[in-house]
Structure formats: C-alpha cells, structure tokens
C-alpha cells in the first residue's frame, strides 16, 4: 500500500466545496481544512504510487479552484 500527503492551495471561498469533492474521490482516505500556508491536506492511498499518480491525482487536479498542490510520498 502506498500513501501520499497532498497539500493544496485553493481559491478563496472554495475550500469547503473542494475538500468535500476530494473526499468523494476513491483513494482519498481523508481531506481536512488546515491553518497555515496550505488550505487542505489530503491523505491518498492506493496499491502503489503509480496508481496514485495515474488515477487519483489526475482527478484531484481537475477540480476547479485548486491553485497549487504539493505532494509528499510516505516512505515508511
């Protein structure tokens, strides 16, 4: 099982709707609104990192209102 942490910046006022949309994507284990330099942090899991990048992140990045994402791959 592979896991990544996806840190996301979104347009003002879109944080709740984008978080809710992310939560509905298969593979997104959790997505939370956070304080600090990012708006949403999501945990995404799949069989391997290829599946995460090929299937899940393509869906997430299509969500309108996302300005920027930063991805961290869990190593243990």
PDB file of N, CA and C in Angstrom:
ATOM      1  N   UNK A   1       0.854  -1.180   0.000  1.00  0.00           N
ATOM      2  CA  UNK A   1       0.000   0.000   0.000  1.00  0.00           C
ATOM      3  C   UNK A   1       0.895   1.238   0.000  1.00  0.00           C
ATOM      4  N   UNK A   2       0.609   2.148  -0.898  1.00  0.00           N
ATOM      5  CA  UNK A   2       1.338   3.411  -0.983  1.00  0.00           C
ATOM      6  C   UNK A   2       0.460   4.532  -0.431  1.00  0.00           C
ATOM      7  N   UNK A   3       1.111   5.536   0.136  1.00  0.00           N
ATOM      8  CA  UNK A   3       0.384   6.677   0.709  1.00  0.00           C
ATOM      9  C   UNK A   3       1.121   7.954   0.343  1.00  0.00           C
ATOM     10  N   UNK A   4       0.343   8.987   0.009  1.00  0.00           N
ATOM     11  CA  UNK A   4       0.912  10.316  -0.164  1.00  0.00           C
ATOM     12  C   UNK A   4       0.112  11.319   0.658  1.00  0.00           C
ATOM     13  N   UNK A   5       0.755  12.420   0.938  1.00  0.00           N
ATOM     14  CA  UNK A   5       0.109  13.561   1.582  1.00  0.00           C
ATOM     15  C   UNK A   5       0.103  14.668   0.538  1.00  0.00           C
ATOM     16  N   UNK A   6      -1.085  15.186   0.264  1.00  0.00           N
ATOM     17  CA  UNK A   6      -1.252  16.205  -0.761  1.00  0.00           C
ATOM     18  C   UNK A   6      -1.637  17.521  -0.095  1.00  0.00           C
ATOM     19  N   UNK A   7      -0.751  18.504  -0.184  1.00  0.00           N
ATOM     20  CA  UNK A   7      -1.008  19.828   0.369  1.00  0.00           C
ATOM     21  C   UNK A   7      -1.528  20.704  -0.754  1.00  0.00           C
ATOM     22  N   UNK A   8      -2.613  21.411  -0.498  1.00  0.00           N
ATOM     23  CA  UNK A   8      -3.338  22.096  -1.561  1.00  0.00           C
ATOM     24  C   UNK A   8      -3.650  23.538  -1.194  1.00  0.00           C
ATOM     25  N   UNK A   9      -3.451  24.436  -2.155  1.00  0.00           N
ATOM     26  CA  UNK A   9      -3.906  25.820  -2.056  1.00  0.00           C
ATOM     27  C   UNK A   9      -5.074  25.994  -3.010  1.00  0.00           C
ATOM     28  N   UNK A  10      -6.121  26.663  -2.534  1.00  0.00           N
ATOM     29  CA  UNK A  10      -7.326  26.830  -3.348  1.00  0.00           C
ATOM     30  C   UNK A  10      -7.732  28.302  -3.402  1.00  0.00           C
ATOM     31  N   UNK A  11      -8.634  28.607  -4.322  1.00  0.00           N
ATOM     32  CA  UNK A  11      -9.156  29.968  -4.424  1.00  0.00           C
ATOM     33  C   UNK A  11      -9.942  30.320  -3.163  1.00  0.00           C
ATOM     34  N   UNK A  12      -9.916  31.578  -2.760  1.00  0.00           N
ATOM     35  CA  UNK A  12     -10.669  31.991  -1.574  1.00  0.00           C
ATOM     36  C   UNK A  12     -12.146  31.620  -1.681  1.00  0.00           C
ATOM     37  N   UNK A  13     -12.681  31.090  -0.600  1.00  0.00           N
ATOM     38  CA  UNK A  13     -14.089  30.732  -0.538  1.00  0.00           C
ATOM     39  C   UNK A  13     -14.428  29.384  -1.134  1.00  0.00           C
ATOM     40  N   UNK A  14     -13.473  28.676  -1.708  1.00  0.00           N
ATOM     41  CA  UNK A  14     -13.718  27.386  -2.351  1.00  0.00           C
ATOM     42  C   UNK A  14     -13.246  26.208  -1.503  1.00  0.00           C
ATOM     43  N   UNK A  15     -12.671  26.503  -0.338  1.00  0.00           N
ATOM     44  CA  UNK A  15     -12.031  25.448   0.452  1.00  0.00           C
ATOM     45  C   UNK A  15     -12.982  24.323   0.864  1.00  0.00           C
ATOM     46  N   UNK A  16     -14.161  24.637   1.356  1.00  0.00           N
ATOM     47  CA  UNK A  16     -15.088  23.605   1.826  1.00  0.00           C
ATOM     48  C   UNK A  16     -15.590  22.746   0.665  1.00  0.00           C
ATOM     49  N   UNK A  17     -15.977  23.379  -0.441  1.00  0.00           N
ATOM     50  CA  UNK A  17     -16.504  22.593  -1.569  1.00  0.00           C
ATOM     51  C   UNK A  17     -15.414  21.719  -2.195  1.00  0.00           C
ATOM     52  N   UNK A  18     -14.198  22.228  -2.274  1.00  0.00           N
ATOM     53  CA  UNK A  18     -13.101  21.427  -2.826  1.00  0.00           C
ATOM     54  C   UNK A  18     -12.757  20.277  -1.885  1.00  0.00           C
ATOM     55  N   UNK A  19     -12.714  20.542  -0.594  1.00  0.00           N
ATOM     56  CA  UNK A  19     -12.466  19.467   0.372  1.00  0.00           C
ATOM     57  C   UNK A  19     -13.516  18.375   0.229  1.00  0.00           C
ATOM     58  N   UNK A  20     -14.781  18.759   0.134  1.00  0.00           N
ATOM     59  CA  UNK A  20     -15.865  17.777   0.010  1.00  0.00           C
ATOM     60  C   UNK A  20     -15.747  16.975  -1.290  1.00  0.00           C
ATOM     61  N   UNK A  21     -15.382  17.634  -2.367  1.00  0.00           N
ATOM     62  CA  UNK A  21     -15.181  16.945  -3.642  1.00  0.00           C
ATOM     63  C   UNK A  21     -14.035  15.950  -3.534  1.00  0.00           C
ATOM     64  N   UNK A  22     -12.939  16.364  -2.919  1.00  0.00           N
ATOM     65  CA  UNK A  22     -11.791  15.477  -2.744  1.00  0.00           C
ATOM     66  C   UNK A  22     -12.171  14.248  -1.920  1.00  0.00           C
ATOM     67  N   UNK A  23     -12.954  14.445  -0.895  1.00  0.00           N
ATOM     68  CA  UNK A  23     -13.367  13.318  -0.047  1.00  0.00           C
ATOM     69  C   UNK A  23     -14.176  12.279  -0.811  1.00  0.00           C
ATOM     70  N   UNK A  24     -14.803  12.670  -1.902  1.00  0.00           N
ATOM     71  CA  UNK A  24     -15.603  11.747  -2.692  1.00  0.00           C
ATOM     72  C   UNK A  24     -14.823  10.955  -3.735  1.00  0.00           C
ATOM     73  N   UNK A  25     -13.532  11.215  -3.856  1.00  0.00           N
ATOM     74  CA  UNK A  25     -12.703  10.519  -4.836  1.00  0.00           C
ATOM     75  C   UNK A  25     -12.154   9.235  -4.220  1.00  0.00           C
ATOM     76  N   UNK A  26     -12.326   8.125  -4.936  1.00  0.00           N
ATOM     77  CA  UNK A  26     -11.820   6.844  -4.457  1.00  0.00           C
ATOM     78  C   UNK A  26     -10.306   6.925  -4.289  1.00  0.00           C
ATOM     79  N   UNK A  27      -9.829   6.526  -3.134  1.00  0.00           N
ATOM     80  CA  UNK A  27      -8.408   6.579  -2.824  1.00  0.00           C
ATOM     81  C   UNK A  27      -8.062   7.698  -1.866  1.00  0.00           C
ATOM     82  N   UNK A  28      -8.916   8.722  -1.792  1.00  0.00           N
ATOM     83  CA  UNK A  28      -8.688   9.795  -0.826  1.00  0.00           C
ATOM     84  C   UNK A  28      -9.213   9.308   0.521  1.00  0.00           C
ATOM     85  N   UNK A  29      -8.291   9.032   1.421  1.00  0.00           N
ATOM     86  CA  UNK A  29      -8.633   8.494   2.738  1.00  0.00           C
ATOM     87  C   UNK A  29      -9.200   9.591   3.627  1.00  0.00           C
ATOM     88  N   UNK A  30      -8.629  10.779   3.523  1.00  0.00           N
ATOM     89  CA  UNK A  30      -9.082  11.906   4.336  1.00  0.00           C
ATOM     90  C   UNK A  30      -8.648  13.200   3.663  1.00  0.00           C
ATOM     91  N   UNK A  31      -9.416  14.238   3.881  1.00  0.00           N
ATOM     92  CA  UNK A  31      -9.065  15.576   3.420  1.00  0.00           C
ATOM     93  C   UNK A  31      -9.577  16.551   4.476  1.00  0.00           C
ATOM     94  N   UNK A  32      -8.688  17.366   4.984  1.00  0.00           N
ATOM     95  CA  UNK A  32      -9.031  18.299   6.061  1.00  0.00           C
ATOM     96  C   UNK A  32      -8.643  19.722   5.709  1.00  0.00           C
ATOM     97  N   UNK A  33      -9.469  20.665   6.147  1.00  0.00           N
ATOM     98  CA  UNK A  33      -9.107  22.076   6.084  1.00  0.00           C
ATOM     99  C   UNK A  33      -8.088  22.316   7.189  1.00  0.00           C
ATOM    100  N   UNK A  34      -7.047  23.094   6.876  1.00  0.00           N
ATOM    101  CA  UNK A  34      -5.996  23.352   7.857  1.00  0.00           C
ATOM    102  C   UNK A  34      -5.642  24.832   7.868  1.00  0.00           C
ATOM    103  N   UNK A  35      -4.982  25.244   8.932  1.00  0.00           N
ATOM    104  CA  UNK A  35      -4.462  26.602   9.005  1.00  0.00           C
ATOM    105  C   UNK A  35      -3.017  26.585   8.529  1.00  0.00           C
ATOM    106  N   UNK A  36      -2.499  27.758   8.212  1.00  0.00           N
ATOM    107  CA  UNK A  36      -1.115  27.839   7.765  1.00  0.00           C
ATOM    108  C   UNK A  36      -1.035  28.151   6.281  1.00  0.00           C
ATOM    109  N   UNK A  37       0.085  27.830   5.662  1.00  0.00           N
ATOM    110  CA  UNK A  37       0.288  28.211   4.257  1.00  0.00           C
ATOM    111  C   UNK A  37      -0.540  27.402   3.262  1.00  0.00           C
ATOM    112  N   UNK A  38      -1.129  26.302   3.689  1.00  0.00           N
ATOM    113  CA  UNK A  38      -1.973  25.488   2.808  1.00  0.00           C
ATOM    114  C   UNK A  38      -3.406  25.536   3.298  1.00  0.00           C
ATOM    115  N   UNK A  39      -4.341  25.204   2.419  1.00  0.00           N
ATOM    116  CA  UNK A  39      -5.755  25.236   2.760  1.00  0.00           C
ATOM    117  C   UNK A  39      -6.313  23.860   3.093  1.00  0.00           C
ATOM    118  N   UNK A  40      -5.829  22.834   2.390  1.00  0.00           N
ATOM    119  CA  UNK A  40      -6.329  21.471   2.565  1.00  0.00           C
ATOM    120  C   UNK A  40      -5.144  20.513   2.553  1.00  0.00           C
ATOM    121  N   UNK A  41      -5.173  19.547   3.461  1.00  0.00           N
ATOM    122  CA  UNK A  41      -4.216  18.443   3.418  1.00  0.00           C
ATOM    123  C   UNK A  41      -5.021  17.164   3.265  1.00  0.00           C
ATOM    124  N   UNK A  42      -4.652  16.379   2.234  1.00  0.00           N
ATOM    125  CA  UNK A  42      -5.345  15.126   1.972  1.00  0.00           C
ATOM    126  C   UNK A  42      -4.372  13.955   2.106  1.00  0.00           C
ATOM    127  N   UNK A  43      -4.903  12.832   2.550  1.00  0.00           N
ATOM    128  CA  UNK A  43      -4.161  11.579   2.581  1.00  0.00           C
ATOM    129  C   UNK A  43      -4.754  10.703   1.491  1.00  0.00           C
ATOM    130  N   UNK A  44      -3.888  10.222   0.609  1.00  0.00           N
ATOM    131  CA  UNK A  44      -4.340   9.408  -0.517  1.00  0.00           C
ATOM    132  C   UNK A  44      -3.596   8.082  -0.490  1.00  0.00           C
ATOM    133  N   UNK A  45      -4.347   6.988  -0.623  1.00  0.00           N
ATOM    134  CA  UNK A  45      -3.746   5.657  -0.616  1.00  0.00           C
ATOM    135  C   UNK A  45      -4.194   4.860  -1.831  1.00  0.00           C
ATOM    136  N   UNK A  46      -3.313   3.995  -2.303  1.00  0.00           N
ATOM    137  CA  UNK A  46      -3.615   3.071  -3.401  1.00  0.00           C
ATOM    138  C   UNK A  46      -2.603   1.932  -3.335  1.00  0.00           C
ATOM    139  N   UNK A  47      -2.739   0.989  -4.246  1.00  0.00           N
ATOM    140  CA  UNK A  47      -1.864  -0.180  -4.245  1.00  0.00           C
ATOM    141  C   UNK A  47      -0.395   0.207  -4.385  1.00  0.00           C
ATOM    142  N   UNK A  48      -0.116   1.208  -5.211  1.00  0.00           N
ATOM    143  CA  UNK A  48       1.261   1.675  -5.389  1.00  0.00           C
ATOM    144  C   UNK A  48       1.232   3.139  -5.819  1.00  0.00           C
ATOM    145  N   UNK A  49       2.398   3.759  -5.837  1.00  0.00           N
ATOM    146  CA  UNK A  49       2.446   5.191  -6.166  1.00  0.00           C
ATOM    147  C   UNK A  49       2.030   5.457  -7.608  1.00  0.00           C
ATOM    148  N   UNK A  50       2.281   4.511  -8.502  1.00  0.00           N
ATOM    149  CA  UNK A  50       1.842   4.699  -9.890  1.00  0.00           C
ATOM    150  C   UNK A  50       0.337   4.867  -9.973  1.00  0.00           C
ATOM    151  N   UNK A  51      -0.387   4.060  -9.226  1.00  0.00           N
ATOM    152  CA  UNK A  51      -1.844   4.168  -9.217  1.00  0.00           C
ATOM    153  C   UNK A  51      -2.279   5.513  -8.648  1.00  0.00           C
ATOM    154  N   UNK A  52      -1.613   5.942  -7.609  1.00  0.00           N
ATOM    155  CA  UNK A  52      -1.952   7.246  -7.020  1.00  0.00           C
ATOM    156  C   UNK A  52      -1.757   8.345  -8.053  1.00  0.00           C
ATOM    157  N   UNK A  53      -0.609   8.368  -8.688  1.00  0.00           N
ATOM    158  CA  UNK A  53      -0.322   9.443  -9.635  1.00  0.00           C
ATOM    159  C   UNK A  53      -1.166   9.336 -10.895  1.00  0.00           C
ATOM    160  N   UNK A  54      -1.373   8.127 -11.407  1.00  0.00           N
ATOM    161  CA  UNK A  54      -2.099   7.957 -12.666  1.00  0.00           C
ATOM    162  C   UNK A  54      -3.601   8.155 -12.537  1.00  0.00           C
ATOM    163  N   UNK A  55      -4.185   7.686 -11.454  1.00  0.00           N
ATOM    164  CA  UNK A  55      -5.644   7.709 -11.334  1.00  0.00           C
ATOM    165  C   UNK A  55      -6.147   8.803 -10.407  1.00  0.00           C
ATOM    166  N   UNK A  56      -5.647   8.818  -9.201  1.00  0.00           N
ATOM    167  CA  UNK A  56      -6.206   9.708  -8.185  1.00  0.00           C
ATOM    168  C   UNK A  56      -5.817  11.161  -8.420  1.00  0.00           C
ATOM    169  N   UNK A  57      -4.546  11.435  -8.591  1.00  0.00           N
ATOM    170  CA  UNK A  57      -4.126  12.829  -8.717  1.00  0.00           C
ATOM    171  C   UNK A  57      -4.666  13.495  -9.969  1.00  0.00           C
ATOM    172  N   UNK A  58      -4.869  12.735 -11.030  1.00  0.00           N
ATOM    173  CA  UNK A  58      -5.471  13.315 -12.232  1.00  0.00           C
ATOM    174  C   UNK A  58      -6.876  13.826 -11.931  1.00  0.00           C
ATOM    175  N   UNK A  59      -7.619  13.091 -11.117  1.00  0.00           N
ATOM    176  CA  UNK A  59      -8.969  13.523 -10.737  1.00  0.00           C
ATOM    177  C   UNK A  59      -8.911  14.743  -9.830  1.00  0.00           C
ATOM    178  N   UNK A  60      -8.009  14.725  -8.866  1.00  0.00           N
ATOM    179  CA  UNK A  60      -7.900  15.843  -7.927  1.00  0.00           C
ATOM    180  C   UNK A  60      -7.507  17.115  -8.672  1.00  0.00           C
ATOM    181  N   UNK A  61      -6.552  17.020  -9.554  1.00  0.00           N
ATOM    182  CA  UNK A  61      -6.059  18.217 -10.246  1.00  0.00           C
ATOM    183  C   UNK A  61      -7.062  18.795 -11.232  1.00  0.00           C
ATOM    184  N   UNK A  62      -8.105  18.052 -11.563  1.00  0.00           N
ATOM    185  CA  UNK A  62      -9.156  18.565 -12.443  1.00  0.00           C
ATOM    186  C   UNK A  62     -10.193  19.404 -11.691  1.00  0.00           C
ATOM    187  N   UNK A  63     -10.129  19.398 -10.376  1.00  0.00           N
ATOM    188  CA  UNK A  63     -11.102  20.149  -9.577  1.00  0.00           C
ATOM    189  C   UNK A  63     -10.849  21.643  -9.791  1.00  0.00           C
ATOM    190  N   UNK A  64     -11.880  22.342 -10.241  1.00  0.00           N
ATOM    191  CA  UNK A  64     -11.753  23.780 -10.466  1.00  0.00           C
ATOM    192  C   UNK A  64     -11.601  24.509  -9.129  1.00  0.00           C
ATOM    193  N   UNK A  65     -10.676  25.452  -9.103  1.00  0.00           N
ATOM    194  CA  UNK A  65     -10.444  26.239  -7.900  1.00  0.00           C
ATOM    195  C   UNK A  65      -9.171  25.872  -7.170  1.00  0.00           C
ATOM    196  N   UNK A  66      -8.522  24.787  -7.591  1.00  0.00           N
ATOM    197  CA  UNK A  66      -7.233  24.439  -6.984  1.00  0.00           C
ATOM    198  C   UNK A  66      -6.152  25.258  -7.679  1.00  0.00           C
ATOM    199  N   UNK A  67      -5.388  25.992  -6.886  1.00  0.00           N
ATOM    200  CA  UNK A  67      -4.309  26.812  -7.428  1.00  0.00           C
ATOM    201  C   UNK A  67      -3.003  26.042  -7.539  1.00  0.00           C
ATOM    202  N   UNK A  68      -2.712  25.246  -6.499  1.00  0.00           N
ATOM    203  CA  UNK A  68      -1.391  24.623  -6.411  1.00  0.00           C
ATOM    204  C   UNK A  68      -1.481  23.420  -5.506  1.00  0.00           C
ATOM    205  N   UNK A  69      -0.715  22.376  -5.847  1.00  0.00           N
ATOM    206  CA  UNK A  69      -0.589  21.233  -4.967  1.00  0.00           C
ATOM    207  C   UNK A  69       0.870  20.913  -4.744  1.00  0.00           C
ATOM    208  N   UNK A  70       1.148  20.319  -3.608  1.00  0.00           N
ATOM    209  CA  UNK A  70       2.483  19.826  -3.309  1.00  0.00           C
ATOM    210  C   UNK A  70       2.308  18.419  -2.760  1.00  0.00           C
ATOM    211  N   UNK A  71       3.089  17.479  -3.281  1.00  0.00           N
ATOM    212  CA  UNK A  71       2.905  16.076  -2.964  1.00  0.00           C
ATOM    213  C   UNK A  71       4.084  15.544  -2.174  1.00  0.00           C
ATOM    214  N   UNK A  72       3.763  14.805  -1.091  1.00  0.00           N
ATOM    215  CA  UNK A  72       4.790  14.166  -0.271  1.00  0.00           C
ATOM    216  C   UNK A  72       4.489  12.677  -0.225  1.00  0.00           C
ATOM    217  N   UNK A  73       5.433  11.852  -0.658  1.00  0.00           N
ATOM    218  CA  UNK A  73       5.270  10.408  -0.662  1.00  0.00           C
ATOM    219  C   UNK A  73       5.756   9.865   0.673  1.00  0.00           C
ATOM    220  N   UNK A  74       4.902   9.073   1.344  1.00  0.00           N
ATOM    221  CA  UNK A  74       5.309   8.441   2.605  1.00  0.00           C
ATOM    222  C   UNK A  74       6.306   7.341   2.289  1.00  0.00           C
ATOM    223  N   UNK A  75       7.385   7.271   3.042  1.00  0.00           N
ATOM    224  CA  UNK A  75       8.421   6.279   2.776  1.00  0.00           C
ATOM    225  C   UNK A  75       8.380   5.102   3.744  1.00  0.00           C
ATOM    226  N   UNK A  76       7.655   5.217   4.814  1.00  0.00           N
ATOM    227  CA  UNK A  76       7.505   4.119   5.774  1.00  0.00           C
ATOM    228  C   UNK A  76       6.104   4.062   6.310  1.00  0.00           C
TER     229      UNK A  76
END
